[in-house]
Amino acid sequence: MQPQVEAGLGWMAWTWQTALFFGVIVALLVLMTVLELRAPGGHPRRGVLGLTTTRGDRLFISLLAAGYIHLLWLAFFGVPLWGASALALMVAAVVFRHA
């Protein structure tokens, strides 16, 4: 006997946190699109690390940093992840301000 494949998204075990995460990512992409349409290029600038970055680059760096911060938080402190989220937001603010 073969296992039944469940229809819909139930097999993915989505929670409200997962939906919120993807909703925030979509909102950020929409915001970046609107900003790019209003001011193309995003005024590239040279940051602390010597990299020339645009808004999109800084968003990508912030999202990568947030992922690593959350993984490290889980490794050293476990759950809950509110502290990791706060730290990730602070890092994103620094990246957008100085990178």
C-alpha atoms as a PDB file:
ATOM      1  CA  MET A   1       0.000   0.000   0.000  1.00  0.00           C
ATOM      2  CA  GLN A   2       1.226   3.466  -0.886  1.00  0.00           C
ATOM      3  CA  PRO A   3       0.788   6.379   1.543  1.00  0.00           C
ATOM      4  CA  GLN A   4      -1.936   8.881   0.715  1.00  0.00           C
ATOM      5  CA  VAL A   5      -0.756  12.298  -0.456  1.00  0.00           C
ATOM      6  CA  GLU A   6      -2.646  14.982   1.410  1.00  0.00           C
ATOM      7  CA  ALA A   7      -4.196  17.700  -0.742  1.00  0.00           C
ATOM      8  CA  GLY A   8      -3.587  21.382  -0.026  1.00  0.00           C
ATOM      9  CA  LEU A   9      -0.948  22.853   2.255  1.00  0.00           C
ATOM     10  CA  GLY A  10      -1.682  20.763   5.331  1.00  0.00           C
ATOM     11  CA  TRP A  11       1.338  18.553   4.701  1.00  0.00           C
ATOM     12  CA  MET A  12       3.640  21.560   5.174  1.00  0.00           C
ATOM     13  CA  ALA A  13       2.499  22.155   8.782  1.00  0.00           C
ATOM     14  CA  TRP A  14       2.284  25.927   8.349  1.00  0.00           C
ATOM     15  CA  THR A  15       1.851  27.921  11.505  1.00  0.00           C
ATOM     16  CA  TRP A  16       0.981  31.579  11.921  1.00  0.00           C
ATOM     17  CA  GLN A  17       4.682  32.262  12.554  1.00  0.00           C
ATOM     18  CA  THR A  18       5.608  30.711   9.209  1.00  0.00           C
ATOM     19  CA  ALA A  19       2.929  32.711   7.424  1.00  0.00           C
ATOM     20  CA  LEU A  20       4.108  35.890   9.177  1.00  0.00           C
ATOM     21  CA  PHE A  21       7.720  35.203   8.138  1.00  0.00           C
ATOM     22  CA  PHE A  22       6.840  34.820   4.474  1.00  0.00           C
ATOM     23  CA  GLY A  23       4.438  37.758   4.677  1.00  0.00           C
ATOM     24  CA  VAL A  24       7.236  39.988   5.971  1.00  0.00           C
ATOM     25  CA  ILE A  25       9.551  38.821   3.186  1.00  0.00           C
ATOM     26  CA  VAL A  26       6.881  39.600   0.567  1.00  0.00           C
ATOM     27  CA  ALA A  27       6.228  43.013   2.162  1.00  0.00           C
ATOM     28  CA  LEU A  28       9.959  43.809   2.095  1.00  0.00           C
ATOM     29  CA  LEU A  29      10.186  42.862  -1.578  1.00  0.00           C
ATOM     30  CA  VAL A  30       7.162  45.029  -2.408  1.00  0.00           C
ATOM     31  CA  LEU A  31       8.666  47.922  -0.425  1.00  0.00           C
ATOM     32  CA  MET A  32      11.997  47.556  -2.219  1.00  0.00           C
ATOM     33  CA  THR A  33      10.196  47.497  -5.586  1.00  0.00           C
ATOM     34  CA  VAL A  34       8.307  50.698  -4.756  1.00  0.00           C
ATOM     35  CA  LEU A  35      11.502  52.394  -3.561  1.00  0.00           C
ATOM     36  CA  GLU A  36      13.330  51.297  -6.708  1.00  0.00           C
ATOM     37  CA  LEU A  37      10.568  52.693  -8.914  1.00  0.00           C
ATOM     38  CA  ARG A  38      10.649  56.022  -7.050  1.00  0.00           C
ATOM     39  CA  ALA A  39      14.454  56.364  -6.896  1.00  0.00           C
ATOM     40  CA  PRO A  40      16.234  53.936  -9.245  1.00  0.00           C
ATOM     41  CA  GLY A  41      19.601  52.655  -8.114  1.00  0.00           C
ATOM     42  CA  GLY A  42      19.131  53.342  -4.425  1.00  0.00           C
ATOM     43  CA  HIS A  43      22.215  55.583  -4.284  1.00  0.00           C
ATOM     44  CA  PRO A  44      25.043  53.038  -4.005  1.00  0.00           C
ATOM     45  CA  ARG A  45      27.456  53.845  -1.203  1.00  0.00           C
ATOM     46  CA  ARG A  46      30.673  52.508   0.215  1.00  0.00           C
ATOM     47  CA  GLY A  47      30.260  50.985   3.655  1.00  0.00           C
ATOM     48  CA  VAL A  48      32.385  50.034   6.617  1.00  0.00           C
ATOM     49  CA  LEU A  49      33.611  46.806   5.021  1.00  0.00           C
ATOM     50  CA  GLY A  50      34.682  48.631   1.863  1.00  0.00           C
ATOM     51  CA  LEU A  51      31.848  47.196  -0.208  1.00  0.00           C
ATOM     52  CA  THR A  52      29.744  49.363  -2.475  1.00  0.00           C
ATOM     53  CA  THR A  53      26.143  48.376  -1.791  1.00  0.00           C
ATOM     54  CA  THR A  54      22.660  49.362  -2.924  1.00  0.00           C
ATOM     55  CA  ARG A  55      19.409  49.033  -0.966  1.00  0.00           C
ATOM     56  CA  GLY A  56      18.853  45.551  -2.352  1.00  0.00           C
ATOM     57  CA  ASP A  57      22.357  44.461  -1.358  1.00  0.00           C
ATOM     58  CA  ARG A  58      21.831  45.776   2.161  1.00  0.00           C
ATOM     59  CA  LEU A  59      18.489  43.944   2.426  1.00  0.00           C
ATOM     60  CA  PHE A  60      20.132  40.707   1.275  1.00  0.00           C
ATOM     61  CA  ILE A  61      22.992  41.121   3.773  1.00  0.00           C
ATOM     62  CA  SER A  62      20.461  41.842   6.535  1.00  0.00           C
ATOM     63  CA  LEU A  63      18.396  38.746   5.711  1.00  0.00           C
ATOM     64  CA  LEU A  64      21.492  36.527   5.643  1.00  0.00           C
ATOM     65  CA  ALA A  65      22.696  37.983   8.932  1.00  0.00           C
ATOM     66  CA  ALA A  66      19.253  37.399  10.475  1.00  0.00           C
ATOM     67  CA  GLY A  67      19.356  33.752   9.433  1.00  0.00           C
ATOM     68  CA  TYR A  68      22.794  33.225  10.931  1.00  0.00           C
ATOM     69  CA  ILE A  69      21.896  35.117  14.114  1.00  0.00           C
ATOM     70  CA  HIS A  70      18.844  32.914  14.625  1.00  0.00           C
ATOM     71  CA  LEU A  71      20.810  29.715  13.994  1.00  0.00           C
ATOM     72  CA  LEU A  72      23.543  30.748  16.430  1.00  0.00           C
ATOM     73  CA  TRP A  73      20.946  31.775  19.001  1.00  0.00           C
ATOM     74  CA  LEU A  74      19.344  28.330  18.732  1.00  0.00           C
ATOM     75  CA  ALA A  75      22.738  26.662  19.115  1.00  0.00           C
ATOM     76  CA  PHE A  76      23.732  28.610  22.229  1.00  0.00           C
ATOM     77  CA  PHE A  77      20.479  29.662  23.935  1.00  0.00           C
ATOM     78  CA  GLY A  78      17.643  27.615  22.426  1.00  0.00           C
ATOM     79  CA  VAL A  79      14.095  28.924  22.337  1.00  0.00           C
ATOM     80  CA  PRO A  80      12.425  31.445  22.571  1.00  0.00           C
ATOM     81  CA  LEU A  81      13.905  33.443  19.710  1.00  0.00           C
ATOM     82  CA  TRP A  82      12.690  36.931  20.669  1.00  0.00           C
ATOM     83  CA  GLY A  83      16.215  37.977  21.630  1.00  0.00           C
ATOM     84  CA  ALA A  84      17.577  36.759  18.297  1.00  0.00           C
ATOM     85  CA  SER A  85      14.868  38.656  16.434  1.00  0.00           C
ATOM     86  CA  ALA A  86      15.638  41.862  18.338  1.00  0.00           C
ATOM     87  CA  LEU A  87      19.354  41.423  17.665  1.00  0.00           C
ATOM     88  CA  ALA A  88      18.677  40.755  13.969  1.00  0.00           C
ATOM     89  CA  LEU A  89      16.626  43.972  13.725  1.00  0.00           C
ATOM     90  CA  MET A  90      19.460  45.930  15.353  1.00  0.00           C
ATOM     91  CA  VAL A  91      21.992  44.409  12.951  1.00  0.00           C
ATOM     92  CA  ALA A  92      19.726  45.279  10.006  1.00  0.00           C
ATOM     93  CA  ALA A  93      19.502  48.879  11.230  1.00  0.00           C
ATOM     94  CA  VAL A  94      23.295  49.073  11.418  1.00  0.00           C
ATOM     95  CA  VAL A  95      23.691  47.502   7.972  1.00  0.00           C
ATOM     96  CA  PHE A  96      21.240  49.941   6.384  1.00  0.00           C
ATOM     97  CA  ARG A  97      22.811  52.895   8.202  1.00  0.00           C
ATOM     98  CA  HIS A  98      26.526  52.151   7.822  1.00  0.00           C
ATOM     99  CA  ALA A  99      27.039  49.438   5.182  1.00  0.00           C
END
